[in-house]
C-alpha atoms as a PDB file:
ATOM      1  CA  MET A   1       0.000   0.000   0.000  1.00  0.00           C
ATOM      2  CA  ILE A   2       1.227   3.476  -0.851  1.00  0.00           C
ATOM      3  CA  ASP A   3       0.360   6.355   1.476  1.00  0.00           C
ATOM      4  CA  PHE A   4       0.007   9.603  -0.494  1.00  0.00           C
ATOM      5  CA  ALA A   5      -1.004  12.604   1.587  1.00  0.00           C
ATOM      6  CA  CYS A   6      -4.658  11.954   2.462  1.00  0.00           C
ATOM      7  CA  LYS A   7      -5.190   8.758   0.457  1.00  0.00           C
ATOM      8  CA  LYS A   8      -3.704   5.278   0.500  1.00  0.00           C
ATOM      9  CA  PHE A   9      -3.249   3.390  -2.757  1.00  0.00           C
ATOM     10  CA  PHE A  10      -2.725  -0.294  -3.304  1.00  0.00           C
ATOM     11  CA  ILE A  11      -0.186  -1.027  -6.031  1.00  0.00           C
ATOM     12  CA  ASP A  12      -2.934  -2.846  -7.973  1.00  0.00           C
ATOM     13  CA  ASP A  13      -4.865   0.438  -8.086  1.00  0.00           C
ATOM     14  CA  VAL A  14      -1.818   2.178  -9.567  1.00  0.00           C
ATOM     15  CA  ILE A  15      -1.407  -0.589 -12.180  1.00  0.00           C
ATOM     16  CA  LYS A  16      -5.112  -0.575 -13.087  1.00  0.00           C
ATOM     17  CA  CYS A  17      -5.192   3.204 -13.372  1.00  0.00           C
ATOM     18  CA  SER A  18      -1.927   3.422 -15.313  1.00  0.00           C
ATOM     19  CA  PHE A  19      -3.104   1.059 -18.031  1.00  0.00           C
ATOM     20  CA  GLY A  20      -6.895   1.435 -17.774  1.00  0.00           C
ATOM     21  CA  LEU A  21      -7.415  -2.188 -16.745  1.00  0.00           C
ATOM     22  CA  THR A  22     -10.506  -3.992 -15.504  1.00  0.00           C
ATOM     23  CA  LYS A  23     -10.467  -6.515 -12.642  1.00  0.00           C
ATOM     24  CA  SER A  24     -10.280  -9.354 -15.177  1.00  0.00           C
ATOM     25  CA  ASP A  25      -7.426  -7.664 -17.039  1.00  0.00           C
ATOM     26  CA  LEU A  26      -5.554  -7.268 -13.759  1.00  0.00           C
ATOM     27  CA  LYS A  27      -6.023 -10.945 -12.798  1.00  0.00           C
ATOM     28  CA  ILE A  28      -4.664 -12.029 -16.167  1.00  0.00           C
ATOM     29  CA  PHE A  29      -1.813  -9.527 -15.797  1.00  0.00           C
ATOM     30  CA  HIS A  30      -0.879 -11.045 -12.405  1.00  0.00           C
ATOM     31  CA  PHE A  31      -1.191 -14.588 -13.723  1.00  0.00           C
ATOM     32  CA  LEU A  32       1.275 -13.795 -16.523  1.00  0.00           C
ATOM     33  CA  MET A  33       3.578 -11.851 -14.177  1.00  0.00           C
ATOM     34  CA  ASN A  34       3.871 -15.000 -12.053  1.00  0.00           C
ATOM     35  CA  GLU A  35       4.917 -17.011 -15.133  1.00  0.00           C
ATOM     36  CA  PRO A  36       7.278 -14.563 -16.891  1.00  0.00           C
ATOM     37  CA  GLU A  37       9.185 -17.133 -18.959  1.00  0.00           C
ATOM     38  CA  GLU A  38       6.245 -19.020 -20.449  1.00  0.00           C
ATOM     39  CA  TYR A  39       3.989 -18.290 -23.431  1.00  0.00           C
ATOM     40  CA  PHE A  40       0.285 -19.137 -22.968  1.00  0.00           C
ATOM     41  CA  MET A  41      -2.579 -19.696 -25.357  1.00  0.00           C
ATOM     42  CA  THR A  42      -5.876 -17.994 -24.622  1.00  0.00           C
ATOM     43  CA  SER A  43      -7.470 -21.338 -23.780  1.00  0.00           C
ATOM     44  CA  ASP A  44      -4.711 -22.135 -21.237  1.00  0.00           C
ATOM     45  CA  ILE A  45      -5.396 -18.916 -19.347  1.00  0.00           C
ATOM     46  CA  SER A  46      -9.150 -19.427 -19.565  1.00  0.00           C
ATOM     47  CA  ASP A  47      -8.834 -22.918 -18.055  1.00  0.00           C
ATOM     48  CA  LYS A  48      -6.398 -21.931 -15.311  1.00  0.00           C
ATOM     49  CA  LEU A  49      -8.307 -18.821 -14.189  1.00  0.00           C
ATOM     50  CA  LYS A  50     -11.804 -20.223 -14.854  1.00  0.00           C
ATOM     51  CA  PHE A  51     -12.627 -17.202 -17.036  1.00  0.00           C
ATOM     52  CA  ASP A  52     -14.840 -17.224 -20.085  1.00  0.00           C
ATOM     53  CA  LEU A  53     -12.742 -17.525 -23.245  1.00  0.00           C
ATOM     54  CA  SER A  54     -14.112 -14.263 -24.672  1.00  0.00           C
ATOM     55  CA  THR A  55     -13.128 -12.410 -21.472  1.00  0.00           C
ATOM     56  CA  VAL A  56      -9.573 -13.695 -21.768  1.00  0.00           C
ATOM     57  CA  GLN A  57      -9.411 -12.818 -25.465  1.00  0.00           C
ATOM     58  CA  ARG A  58     -10.586  -9.258 -24.757  1.00  0.00           C
ATOM     59  CA  SER A  59      -8.107  -8.818 -21.913  1.00  0.00           C
ATOM     60  CA  LEU A  60      -5.173 -10.210 -23.872  1.00  0.00           C
ATOM     61  CA  LYS A  61      -5.996  -7.958 -26.802  1.00  0.00           C
ATOM     62  CA  LYS A  62      -6.039  -4.925 -24.488  1.00  0.00           C
ATOM     63  CA  LEU A  63      -2.812  -5.916 -22.705  1.00  0.00           C
ATOM     64  CA  PHE A  64      -1.087  -6.534 -26.045  1.00  0.00           C
ATOM     65  CA  GLU A  65      -2.252  -3.190 -27.468  1.00  0.00           C
ATOM     66  CA  LYS A  66      -0.903  -1.455 -24.355  1.00  0.00           C
ATOM     67  CA  GLU A  67       2.453  -3.129 -25.068  1.00  0.00           C
ATOM     68  CA  ILE A  68       2.435  -5.117 -21.826  1.00  0.00           C
ATOM     69  CA  LEU A  69       2.597  -8.496 -23.595  1.00  0.00           C
ATOM     70  CA  ASN A  70       4.680 -10.175 -26.238  1.00  0.00           C
ATOM     71  CA  ARG A  71       2.735 -12.237 -28.753  1.00  0.00           C
ATOM     72  CA  ARG A  72       3.984 -15.134 -30.843  1.00  0.00           C
ATOM     73  CA  GLN A  73       2.111 -16.780 -33.691  1.00  0.00           C
ATOM     74  CA  ASN A  74       2.230 -20.568 -33.913  1.00  0.00           C
ATOM     75  CA  ASN A  75       1.144 -22.064 -37.228  1.00  0.00           C
ATOM     76  CA  LEU A  76      -0.914 -25.247 -36.949  1.00  0.00           C
ATOM     77  CA  ASP A  77      -0.170 -28.349 -39.030  1.00  0.00           C
ATOM     78  CA  THR A  78      -3.842 -28.494 -39.991  1.00  0.00           C
ATOM     79  CA  GLY A  79      -3.814 -24.914 -41.205  1.00  0.00           C
ATOM     80  CA  GLY A  80      -4.488 -21.696 -39.371  1.00  0.00           C
ATOM     81  CA  TYR A  81      -2.609 -20.415 -36.368  1.00  0.00           C
ATOM     82  CA  VAL A  82      -2.899 -19.594 -32.674  1.00  0.00           C
ATOM     83  CA  PHE A  83      -1.356 -16.765 -30.705  1.00  0.00           C
ATOM     84  CA  ARG A  84       0.598 -17.354 -27.529  1.00  0.00           C
ATOM     85  CA  TYR A  85       1.180 -14.553 -25.023  1.00  0.00           C
ATOM     86  CA  LYS A  86       3.892 -13.787 -22.509  1.00  0.00           C
ATOM     87  CA  ILE A  87       4.378 -10.829 -20.191  1.00  0.00           C
ATOM     88  CA  LYS A  88       7.098  -8.366 -21.161  1.00  0.00           C
ATOM     89  CA  ASP A  89      10.062  -7.804 -18.911  1.00  0.00           C
ATOM     90  CA  LYS A  90       8.970  -6.698 -15.434  1.00  0.00           C
ATOM     91  CA  LYS A  91      11.518  -3.877 -15.479  1.00  0.00           C
ATOM     92  CA  LYS A  92      10.012  -2.553 -18.736  1.00  0.00           C
ATOM     93  CA  ILE A  93       6.514  -2.609 -17.240  1.00  0.00           C
ATOM     94  CA  SER A  94       7.752  -0.767 -14.134  1.00  0.00           C
ATOM     95  CA  GLU A  95       9.359   1.852 -16.369  1.00  0.00           C
ATOM     96  CA  MET A  96       6.090   2.275 -18.278  1.00  0.00           C
ATOM     97  CA  ILE A  97       4.170   2.873 -15.042  1.00  0.00           C
ATOM     98  CA  LEU A  98       6.776   5.317 -13.728  1.00  0.00           C
ATOM     99  CA  THR A  99       6.635   7.235 -17.016  1.00  0.00           C
ATOM    100  CA  MET A 100       2.864   7.554 -16.618  1.00  0.00           C
ATOM    101  CA  ILE A 101       3.301   8.738 -13.029  1.00  0.00           C
ATOM    102  CA  ASP A 102       5.874  11.318 -14.170  1.00  0.00           C
ATOM    103  CA  SER A 103       3.411  12.534 -16.796  1.00  0.00           C
ATOM    104  CA  TRP A 104       0.710  12.870 -14.136  1.00  0.00           C
ATOM    105  CA  LYS A 105       3.175  14.732 -11.912  1.00  0.00           C
ATOM    106  CA  GLY A 106       3.884  17.158 -14.769  1.00  0.00           C
ATOM    107  CA  ARG A 107       0.173  17.841 -15.240  1.00  0.00           C
ATOM    108  CA  VAL A 108      -0.229  18.461 -11.500  1.00  0.00           C
ATOM    109  CA  GLU A 109       2.725  20.858 -11.549  1.00  0.00           C
ATOM    110  CA  SER A 110       1.179  22.698 -14.500  1.00  0.00           C
ATOM    111  CA  GLU A 111      -2.145  23.050 -12.707  1.00  0.00           C
ATOM    112  CA  LEU A 112      -0.459  24.218  -9.506  1.00  0.00           C
ATOM    113  CA  SER A 113       1.406  26.927 -11.409  1.00  0.00           C
ATOM    114  CA  LYS A 114      -1.973  28.369 -12.458  1.00  0.00           C
ATOM    115  CA  LEU A 115      -3.032  28.947  -8.821  1.00  0.00           C
END
């Protein structure tokens, strides 16, 4: 928990706010953070977290678009392909969050200068 002046923040709140994540997105984020070396198919995550497949697909799409995940395409012998997802480097994700916090700090400084 982070104590900031008159409000306390849990780190999950900072992560959710930084990337605009839902509760489901955050659970998938944590699941992948706990398995940083492994690539997962959507169905694997759905089975392990007991989430609806469409929920996992939506969350993975969002996390990938926000550049939190790496994605690899595996071609199937029968034709077609599947995507596998893996969390990016934890240090990179931390840097992304700190950049967003710095940006917020800059906006606060700008607003304070107008007082």
